[in-house]
């Protein structure tokens, strides 16, 4: 799966997504305008400058996408979930 979608100016590869979330608790937190996309963890060797050896690190990336208001964010969230689900069904 290598389908890439554009989300408010952010290119996201669907196969790399681990989770998508939006805070729907408007009364608890006013800033519900963001959708959080957690990408699948990846491992990478990084040079440790103290001992000059490469060490294996797990990298967890998160993309936060802001929208003008809560309703738009929630609408886009459900659209994203449908696109993600459809793309997963293509490869079953």
N, C-alpha and C. Protein backbone atom coordinates (compact mmCIF):
# COMPACT_ATOMS: atom_id res chain seq x y z
N UNK A 1 0.85 -1.17 0.00
CA UNK A 1 0.00 0.00 0.00
C UNK A 1 0.90 1.23 0.00
N UNK A 2 0.79 2.07 -0.99
CA UNK A 2 1.62 3.27 -1.04
C UNK A 2 0.79 4.48 -1.43
N UNK A 3 -0.45 4.50 -1.03
CA UNK A 3 -1.34 5.61 -1.33
C UNK A 3 -1.01 6.78 -0.40
N UNK A 4 -0.82 7.95 -0.99
CA UNK A 4 -0.51 9.15 -0.24
C UNK A 4 -1.68 10.11 -0.36
N UNK A 5 -2.10 10.68 0.78
CA UNK A 5 -3.19 11.64 0.77
C UNK A 5 -2.68 12.98 1.28
N UNK A 6 -3.35 14.05 0.88
CA UNK A 6 -3.02 15.40 1.31
C UNK A 6 -4.01 15.82 2.38
N UNK A 7 -3.51 16.15 3.55
CA UNK A 7 -4.34 16.59 4.66
C UNK A 7 -3.92 17.99 5.08
N UNK A 8 -4.65 18.97 4.61
CA UNK A 8 -4.38 20.36 4.98
C UNK A 8 -2.91 20.73 4.75
N UNK A 9 -2.38 20.32 3.61
CA UNK A 9 -1.00 20.64 3.26
C UNK A 9 0.03 19.65 3.77
N UNK A 10 -0.41 18.56 4.40
CA UNK A 10 0.50 17.53 4.90
C UNK A 10 0.29 16.26 4.08
N UNK A 11 1.35 15.76 3.47
CA UNK A 11 1.27 14.51 2.72
C UNK A 11 1.48 13.35 3.69
N UNK A 12 0.52 12.41 3.72
CA UNK A 12 0.60 11.28 4.64
C UNK A 12 0.42 10.00 3.85
N UNK A 13 1.36 9.06 4.02
CA UNK A 13 1.25 7.76 3.37
C UNK A 13 0.39 6.85 4.26
N UNK A 14 -0.70 6.36 3.70
CA UNK A 14 -1.67 5.60 4.48
C UNK A 14 -1.07 4.35 5.13
N UNK A 15 -0.13 3.72 4.47
CA UNK A 15 0.45 2.49 5.03
C UNK A 15 1.30 2.76 6.27
N UNK A 16 1.67 3.99 6.50
CA UNK A 16 2.52 4.33 7.65
C UNK A 16 1.71 4.75 8.88
N UNK A 17 0.38 4.83 8.75
CA UNK A 17 -0.45 5.29 9.86
C UNK A 17 -0.68 4.17 10.87
N UNK A 18 -0.46 4.50 12.14
CA UNK A 18 -0.74 3.57 13.23
C UNK A 18 -2.04 3.94 13.91
N UNK A 19 -2.33 5.25 14.05
CA UNK A 19 -3.55 5.69 14.73
C UNK A 19 -3.92 7.10 14.28
N UNK A 20 -5.22 7.38 14.31
CA UNK A 20 -5.74 8.72 14.01
C UNK A 20 -6.69 9.07 15.15
N UNK A 21 -6.56 10.28 15.68
CA UNK A 21 -7.46 10.67 16.77
C UNK A 21 -7.79 12.16 16.71
N UNK A 22 -8.92 12.47 17.30
CA UNK A 22 -9.36 13.86 17.45
C UNK A 22 -10.04 13.95 18.81
N UNK A 23 -9.81 15.05 19.52
CA UNK A 23 -10.42 15.22 20.83
C UNK A 23 -11.84 15.75 20.65
N UNK A 24 -12.83 14.92 20.95
CA UNK A 24 -14.22 15.33 20.78
C UNK A 24 -14.83 15.87 22.07
N UNK A 25 -14.04 16.03 23.11
CA UNK A 25 -14.55 16.52 24.37
C UNK A 25 -14.46 18.05 24.40
N UNK A 26 -15.40 18.70 23.72
CA UNK A 26 -15.38 20.16 23.57
C UNK A 26 -15.42 20.88 24.92
N UNK A 27 -16.17 20.35 25.88
CA UNK A 27 -16.33 21.04 27.16
C UNK A 27 -15.09 20.91 28.03
N UNK A 28 -14.28 19.90 27.77
CA UNK A 28 -13.08 19.68 28.57
C UNK A 28 -11.91 20.48 28.00
N UNK A 29 -11.75 20.40 26.71
CA UNK A 29 -10.63 21.08 26.06
C UNK A 29 -11.15 21.85 24.85
N UNK A 30 -10.89 23.13 24.83
CA UNK A 30 -11.42 23.96 23.76
C UNK A 30 -10.72 23.74 22.42
N UNK A 31 -9.46 23.32 22.45
CA UNK A 31 -8.70 23.16 21.21
C UNK A 31 -8.92 21.78 20.60
N UNK A 32 -10.09 21.57 20.05
CA UNK A 32 -10.40 20.30 19.40
C UNK A 32 -10.22 20.44 17.90
N UNK A 33 -9.53 21.45 17.49
CA UNK A 33 -9.36 21.73 16.08
C UNK A 33 -8.25 20.90 15.45
N UNK A 34 -7.61 20.04 16.21
CA UNK A 34 -6.47 19.30 15.69
C UNK A 34 -6.77 17.81 15.55
N UNK A 35 -6.26 17.25 14.47
CA UNK A 35 -6.28 15.81 14.28
C UNK A 35 -4.86 15.32 14.50
N UNK A 36 -4.75 14.26 15.27
CA UNK A 36 -3.44 13.69 15.59
C UNK A 36 -3.27 12.39 14.81
N UNK A 37 -2.19 12.30 14.03
CA UNK A 37 -1.88 11.09 13.27
C UNK A 37 -0.58 10.52 13.82
N UNK A 38 -0.66 9.31 14.36
CA UNK A 38 0.54 8.63 14.84
C UNK A 38 1.01 7.70 13.74
N UNK A 39 2.27 7.84 13.38
CA UNK A 39 2.85 7.00 12.34
C UNK A 39 3.50 5.76 12.95
N UNK A 40 3.58 4.73 12.16
CA UNK A 40 4.19 3.48 12.63
C UNK A 40 5.62 3.75 13.08
N UNK A 41 6.01 3.09 14.15
CA UNK A 41 7.38 3.24 14.67
C UNK A 41 8.37 2.72 13.65
N UNK A 42 9.54 3.32 13.67
CA UNK A 42 10.61 2.83 12.80
C UNK A 42 11.90 2.83 13.60
N UNK A 43 12.81 2.00 13.18
CA UNK A 43 14.11 1.90 13.86
C UNK A 43 15.17 2.52 12.96
N UNK A 44 16.10 3.20 13.62
CA UNK A 44 17.15 3.88 12.87
C UNK A 44 18.43 3.90 13.71
N UNK A 45 19.56 3.69 13.05
CA UNK A 45 20.84 3.79 13.74
C UNK A 45 21.26 5.25 13.78
N UNK A 46 21.60 5.70 14.99
CA UNK A 46 22.00 7.10 15.18
C UNK A 46 23.36 7.10 15.87
N UNK A 47 24.23 7.96 15.38
CA UNK A 47 25.58 8.05 15.93
C UNK A 47 25.54 8.75 17.28
N UNK A 48 26.08 8.08 18.30
CA UNK A 48 26.20 8.66 19.63
C UNK A 48 27.53 9.40 19.67
N UNK A 49 27.51 10.73 19.82
CA UNK A 49 28.76 11.50 19.77
C UNK A 49 29.67 11.23 20.97
N UNK A 50 29.12 10.73 22.08
CA UNK A 50 29.95 10.48 23.26
C UNK A 50 30.87 9.28 23.08
N UNK A 51 30.33 8.20 22.48
CA UNK A 51 31.18 7.02 22.30
C UNK A 51 31.48 6.74 20.83
N UNK A 52 30.98 7.57 19.95
CA UNK A 52 31.19 7.49 18.50
C UNK A 52 30.79 6.13 17.94
N UNK A 53 29.72 5.56 18.50
CA UNK A 53 29.17 4.30 17.99
C UNK A 53 27.73 4.53 17.57
N UNK A 54 27.32 3.76 16.58
CA UNK A 54 25.93 3.84 16.14
C UNK A 54 25.07 2.99 17.07
N UNK A 55 23.94 3.57 17.49
CA UNK A 55 23.02 2.88 18.39
C UNK A 55 21.64 2.83 17.73
N UNK A 56 20.96 1.73 17.95
CA UNK A 56 19.63 1.54 17.37
C UNK A 56 18.58 2.24 18.24
N UNK A 57 17.81 3.13 17.62
CA UNK A 57 16.77 3.88 18.33
C UNK A 57 15.42 3.65 17.64
N UNK A 58 14.37 3.60 18.45
CA UNK A 58 13.01 3.53 17.92
C UNK A 58 12.48 4.96 17.82
N UNK A 59 11.96 5.29 16.65
CA UNK A 59 11.45 6.64 16.41
C UNK A 59 9.94 6.56 16.25
N UNK A 60 9.24 7.35 17.06
CA UNK A 60 7.78 7.44 17.00
C UNK A 60 7.43 8.86 16.56
N UNK A 61 6.81 8.97 15.40
CA UNK A 61 6.48 10.29 14.87
C UNK A 61 4.98 10.55 14.97
N UNK A 62 4.65 11.82 15.25
CA UNK A 62 3.26 12.25 15.34
C UNK A 62 3.10 13.49 14.48
N UNK A 63 2.02 13.52 13.70
CA UNK A 63 1.69 14.68 12.88
C UNK A 63 0.41 15.28 13.45
N UNK A 64 0.46 16.58 13.78
CA UNK A 64 -0.73 17.29 14.26
C UNK A 64 -1.19 18.21 13.13
N UNK A 65 -2.47 18.08 12.77
CA UNK A 65 -3.02 18.90 11.69
C UNK A 65 -4.13 19.76 12.27
N UNK A 66 -3.97 21.07 12.13
CA UNK A 66 -4.93 22.01 12.70
C UNK A 66 -5.95 22.45 11.65
N UNK A 67 -7.19 22.57 12.08
CA UNK A 67 -8.29 23.02 11.22
C UNK A 67 -8.93 24.26 11.83
N UNK A 68 -9.74 24.98 11.06
CA UNK A 68 -10.28 26.26 11.55
C UNK A 68 -11.20 26.14 12.76
N UNK A 69 -11.90 25.01 12.89
CA UNK A 69 -12.82 24.85 14.02
C UNK A 69 -13.04 23.38 14.33
N UNK A 70 -13.73 23.13 15.43
CA UNK A 70 -13.97 21.76 15.90
C UNK A 70 -14.77 20.95 14.90
N UNK A 71 -15.83 21.53 14.37
CA UNK A 71 -16.71 20.79 13.45
C UNK A 71 -15.96 20.34 12.20
N UNK A 72 -15.11 21.21 11.67
CA UNK A 72 -14.33 20.85 10.48
C UNK A 72 -13.36 19.71 10.81
N UNK A 73 -12.69 19.80 11.96
CA UNK A 73 -11.74 18.76 12.35
C UNK A 73 -12.43 17.41 12.48
N UNK A 74 -13.59 17.39 13.11
CA UNK A 74 -14.31 16.13 13.30
C UNK A 74 -14.82 15.59 11.97
N UNK A 75 -15.29 16.47 11.09
CA UNK A 75 -15.75 16.05 9.76
C UNK A 75 -14.59 15.42 8.98
N UNK A 76 -13.44 16.09 8.97
CA UNK A 76 -12.26 15.58 8.26
C UNK A 76 -11.78 14.27 8.90
N UNK A 77 -11.86 14.18 10.22
CA UNK A 77 -11.46 12.96 10.93
C UNK A 77 -12.26 11.76 10.40
N UNK A 78 -13.59 11.89 10.32
CA UNK A 78 -14.42 10.78 9.84
C UNK A 78 -14.14 10.47 8.37
N UNK A 79 -13.87 11.48 7.56
CA UNK A 79 -13.50 11.26 6.16
C UNK A 79 -12.17 10.51 6.07
N UNK A 80 -11.21 10.91 6.91
CA UNK A 80 -9.91 10.23 6.93
C UNK A 80 -10.06 8.77 7.34
N UNK A 81 -10.88 8.52 8.33
CA UNK A 81 -11.09 7.16 8.79
C UNK A 81 -11.66 6.29 7.67
N UNK A 82 -12.58 6.86 6.88
CA UNK A 82 -13.18 6.10 5.78
C UNK A 82 -12.13 5.81 4.69
N UNK A 83 -11.32 6.80 4.36
CA UNK A 83 -10.26 6.60 3.36
C UNK A 83 -9.28 5.54 3.83
N UNK A 84 -8.89 5.62 5.09
CA UNK A 84 -7.94 4.66 5.67
C UNK A 84 -8.53 3.25 5.66
N UNK A 85 -9.79 3.13 6.08
CA UNK A 85 -10.45 1.83 6.09
C UNK A 85 -10.56 1.25 4.68
N UNK A 86 -10.96 2.09 3.71
CA UNK A 86 -11.08 1.64 2.32
C UNK A 86 -9.74 1.14 1.79
N UNK A 87 -8.65 1.86 2.13
CA UNK A 87 -7.33 1.46 1.63
C UNK A 87 -6.89 0.15 2.26
N UNK A 88 -7.25 -0.10 3.50
CA UNK A 88 -6.91 -1.36 4.15
C UNK A 88 -7.68 -2.53 3.54
N UNK A 89 -8.93 -2.29 3.17
CA UNK A 89 -9.76 -3.34 2.55
C UNK A 89 -9.23 -3.73 1.18
N UNK A 90 -8.59 -2.79 0.47
CA UNK A 90 -8.03 -3.09 -0.86
C UNK A 90 -6.98 -4.18 -0.79
N UNK A 91 -6.31 -4.28 0.36
CA UNK A 91 -5.19 -5.20 0.47
C UNK A 91 -5.51 -6.43 1.32
N UNK A 92 -6.77 -6.64 1.64
CA UNK A 92 -7.16 -7.87 2.36
C UNK A 92 -7.34 -9.03 1.43
